[in-house]
Amino acid sequence: MTENDIKSMGLVLSINECIEIAKGVIESAKDKLKYARSCTSKKNHKKTMVFYEAICYHLERLKKMESEIKNK
């Protein structure tokens, strides 16, 4: 199987899809943080947000690098 075959079957997400999923997780963590009662719970939601914000940052960099390569 080639990479295009795998992508057409929906087994591999695009970078844009991954970014949208990560942003959705960040929004969910923000909402949960508002209603978190314990300090441990609040810390865990903040860690989740920081982790997925880093993922978004690196995916956006990867997307930018990929577009620069395609433009060459």
N, C-alpha and C. Protein backbone atom coordinates (compact mmCIF):
# COMPACT_ATOMS: atom_id res chain seq x y z
N MET A 1 0.83 -1.19 0.00
CA MET A 1 0.00 0.00 0.00
C MET A 1 0.87 1.24 0.00
N THR A 2 0.45 2.22 -0.75
CA THR A 2 1.19 3.47 -0.78
C THR A 2 0.62 4.42 0.27
N GLU A 3 1.32 5.50 0.49
CA GLU A 3 0.87 6.50 1.48
C GLU A 3 -0.47 7.10 1.07
N ASN A 4 -0.67 7.33 -0.22
CA ASN A 4 -1.93 7.90 -0.70
C ASN A 4 -3.09 6.95 -0.47
N ASP A 5 -2.86 5.65 -0.62
CA ASP A 5 -3.90 4.66 -0.36
C ASP A 5 -4.33 4.69 1.11
N ILE A 6 -3.34 4.78 1.98
CA ILE A 6 -3.62 4.81 3.42
C ILE A 6 -4.39 6.07 3.78
N LYS A 7 -3.99 7.21 3.22
CA LYS A 7 -4.69 8.47 3.49
C LYS A 7 -6.12 8.44 2.96
N SER A 8 -6.31 7.85 1.77
CA SER A 8 -7.66 7.80 1.20
C SER A 8 -8.59 6.92 2.02
N MET A 9 -8.03 5.96 2.74
CA MET A 9 -8.84 5.10 3.60
C MET A 9 -9.17 5.79 4.93
N GLY A 10 -8.56 6.94 5.20
CA GLY A 10 -8.84 7.69 6.42
C GLY A 10 -8.04 7.21 7.62
N LEU A 11 -6.99 6.47 7.39
CA LEU A 11 -6.18 5.96 8.49
C LEU A 11 -5.17 6.97 9.00
N VAL A 12 -4.83 7.95 8.18
CA VAL A 12 -3.86 8.97 8.55
C VAL A 12 -4.55 10.33 8.53
N LEU A 13 -4.46 11.04 9.65
CA LEU A 13 -5.06 12.36 9.72
C LEU A 13 -4.13 13.39 9.10
N SER A 14 -4.72 14.42 8.53
CA SER A 14 -3.90 15.51 8.01
C SER A 14 -3.42 16.38 9.16
N ILE A 15 -2.47 17.24 8.87
CA ILE A 15 -1.96 18.14 9.90
C ILE A 15 -3.07 19.07 10.38
N ASN A 16 -3.89 19.56 9.46
CA ASN A 16 -4.99 20.44 9.85
C ASN A 16 -5.97 19.75 10.79
N GLU A 17 -6.26 18.49 10.51
CA GLU A 17 -7.17 17.74 11.38
C GLU A 17 -6.57 17.57 12.78
N CYS A 18 -5.29 17.29 12.85
CA CYS A 18 -4.60 17.14 14.13
C CYS A 18 -4.62 18.44 14.92
N ILE A 19 -4.40 19.55 14.22
CA ILE A 19 -4.43 20.86 14.88
C ILE A 19 -5.82 21.14 15.44
N GLU A 20 -6.85 20.86 14.67
CA GLU A 20 -8.23 21.08 15.13
C GLU A 20 -8.56 20.21 16.34
N ILE A 21 -8.11 18.97 16.33
CA ILE A 21 -8.35 18.09 17.48
C ILE A 21 -7.65 18.63 18.72
N ALA A 22 -6.40 19.05 18.56
CA ALA A 22 -5.64 19.59 19.69
C ALA A 22 -6.30 20.86 20.23
N LYS A 23 -6.78 21.73 19.35
CA LYS A 23 -7.47 22.94 19.80
C LYS A 23 -8.76 22.60 20.53
N GLY A 24 -9.44 21.56 20.09
CA GLY A 24 -10.64 21.11 20.78
C GLY A 24 -10.34 20.62 22.18
N VAL A 25 -9.23 19.90 22.33
CA VAL A 25 -8.83 19.42 23.65
C VAL A 25 -8.48 20.60 24.56
N ILE A 26 -7.82 21.61 24.00
CA ILE A 26 -7.47 22.81 24.79
C ILE A 26 -8.74 23.50 25.28
N GLU A 27 -9.71 23.67 24.40
CA GLU A 27 -10.97 24.32 24.80
C GLU A 27 -11.69 23.50 25.87
N SER A 28 -11.66 22.20 25.72
CA SER A 28 -12.30 21.32 26.71
C SER A 28 -11.61 21.45 28.07
N ALA A 29 -10.28 21.50 28.06
CA ALA A 29 -9.53 21.65 29.31
C ALA A 29 -9.79 23.00 29.95
N LYS A 30 -9.95 24.05 29.13
CA LYS A 30 -10.26 25.38 29.67
C LYS A 30 -11.62 25.37 30.35
N ASP A 31 -12.59 24.72 29.72
CA ASP A 31 -13.93 24.64 30.31
C ASP A 31 -13.90 23.85 31.62
N LYS A 32 -13.18 22.75 31.63
CA LYS A 32 -13.09 21.93 32.84
C LYS A 32 -12.33 22.65 33.95
N LEU A 33 -11.37 23.49 33.57
CA LEU A 33 -10.58 24.23 34.55
C LEU A 33 -11.47 25.20 35.33
N LYS A 34 -12.45 25.79 34.65
CA LYS A 34 -13.35 26.73 35.32
C LYS A 34 -14.11 26.08 36.46
N TYR A 35 -14.44 24.80 36.29
CA TYR A 35 -15.29 24.12 37.26
C TYR A 35 -14.52 23.15 38.15
N ALA A 36 -13.20 23.11 38.00
CA ALA A 36 -12.38 22.21 38.83
C ALA A 36 -12.39 22.70 40.27
N ARG A 37 -12.51 21.76 41.17
CA ARG A 37 -12.63 22.13 42.57
C ARG A 37 -11.32 21.94 43.34
N SER A 38 -10.61 20.88 43.07
CA SER A 38 -9.39 20.62 43.84
C SER A 38 -8.16 21.20 43.14
N CYS A 39 -7.14 21.44 43.92
CA CYS A 39 -5.89 21.97 43.36
C CYS A 39 -5.26 20.98 42.40
N THR A 40 -5.35 19.71 42.73
CA THR A 40 -4.77 18.67 41.87
C THR A 40 -5.47 18.65 40.52
N SER A 41 -6.76 18.75 40.54
CA SER A 41 -7.54 18.75 39.30
C SER A 41 -7.19 19.97 38.45
N LYS A 42 -7.07 21.13 39.09
CA LYS A 42 -6.71 22.34 38.36
C LYS A 42 -5.32 22.23 37.74
N LYS A 43 -4.37 21.67 38.49
CA LYS A 43 -3.02 21.48 37.96
C LYS A 43 -3.02 20.55 36.76
N ASN A 44 -3.79 19.48 36.86
CA ASN A 44 -3.85 18.52 35.76
C ASN A 44 -4.44 19.13 34.49
N HIS A 45 -5.47 19.94 34.64
CA HIS A 45 -6.08 20.60 33.48
C HIS A 45 -5.12 21.62 32.87
N LYS A 46 -4.37 22.33 33.72
CA LYS A 46 -3.38 23.28 33.21
C LYS A 46 -2.26 22.56 32.47
N LYS A 47 -1.82 21.41 33.00
CA LYS A 47 -0.78 20.63 32.32
C LYS A 47 -1.27 20.15 30.96
N THR A 48 -2.52 19.72 30.92
CA THR A 48 -3.11 19.27 29.65
C THR A 48 -3.12 20.41 28.65
N MET A 49 -3.53 21.60 29.09
CA MET A 49 -3.58 22.75 28.20
C MET A 49 -2.19 23.09 27.67
N VAL A 50 -1.20 23.12 28.53
CA VAL A 50 0.17 23.45 28.12
C VAL A 50 0.69 22.42 27.13
N PHE A 51 0.42 21.14 27.40
CA PHE A 51 0.88 20.07 26.52
C PHE A 51 0.27 20.21 25.13
N TYR A 52 -1.04 20.41 25.05
CA TYR A 52 -1.69 20.50 23.74
C TYR A 52 -1.41 21.82 23.03
N GLU A 53 -1.13 22.88 23.79
CA GLU A 53 -0.69 24.13 23.16
C GLU A 53 0.66 23.93 22.49
N ALA A 54 1.54 23.16 23.12
CA ALA A 54 2.84 22.85 22.53
C ALA A 54 2.66 22.01 21.26
N ILE A 55 1.74 21.06 21.32
CA ILE A 55 1.45 20.24 20.14
C ILE A 55 0.97 21.11 19.00
N CYS A 56 0.04 22.03 19.28
CA CYS A 56 -0.47 22.94 18.25
C CYS A 56 0.66 23.77 17.65
N TYR A 57 1.52 24.29 18.50
CA TYR A 57 2.63 25.11 18.04
C TYR A 57 3.52 24.33 17.07
N HIS A 58 3.88 23.11 17.46
CA HIS A 58 4.78 22.33 16.62
C HIS A 58 4.09 21.85 15.34
N LEU A 59 2.81 21.53 15.41
CA LEU A 59 2.09 21.14 14.19
C LEU A 59 1.97 22.31 13.23
N GLU A 60 1.74 23.50 13.76
CA GLU A 60 1.65 24.68 12.90
C GLU A 60 3.01 24.98 12.25
N ARG A 61 4.10 24.77 13.01
CA ARG A 61 5.44 24.92 12.42
C ARG A 61 5.67 23.90 11.32
N LEU A 62 5.25 22.66 11.58
CA LEU A 62 5.38 21.60 10.58
C LEU A 62 4.58 21.93 9.33
N LYS A 63 3.38 22.44 9.52
CA LYS A 63 2.52 22.83 8.39
C LYS A 63 3.20 23.93 7.57
N LYS A 64 3.78 24.90 8.26
CA LYS A 64 4.47 26.00 7.58
C LYS A 64 5.68 25.48 6.80
N MET A 65 6.45 24.60 7.42
CA MET A 65 7.63 24.04 6.74
C MET A 65 7.20 23.22 5.53
N GLU A 66 6.12 22.47 5.67
CA GLU A 66 5.63 21.64 4.57
C GLU A 66 5.18 22.53 3.39
N SER A 67 4.51 23.63 3.70
CA SER A 67 4.05 24.52 2.64
C SER A 67 5.24 25.21 1.95
N GLU A 68 6.29 25.53 2.72
CA GLU A 68 7.48 26.13 2.11
C GLU A 68 8.18 25.15 1.19
N ILE A 69 8.20 23.90 1.56
CA ILE A 69 8.83 22.87 0.71
C ILE A 69 8.02 22.70 -0.58
N LYS A 70 6.70 22.72 -0.48
CA LYS A 70 5.86 22.55 -1.66
C LYS A 70 5.98 23.74 -2.60
N ASN A 71 6.22 24.92 -2.06
CA ASN A 71 6.33 26.13 -2.88
C ASN A 71 7.66 26.22 -3.63
N LYS A 72 8.62 25.44 -3.23
CA LYS A 72 9.95 25.50 -3.89
C LYS A 72 9.94 24.79 -5.20
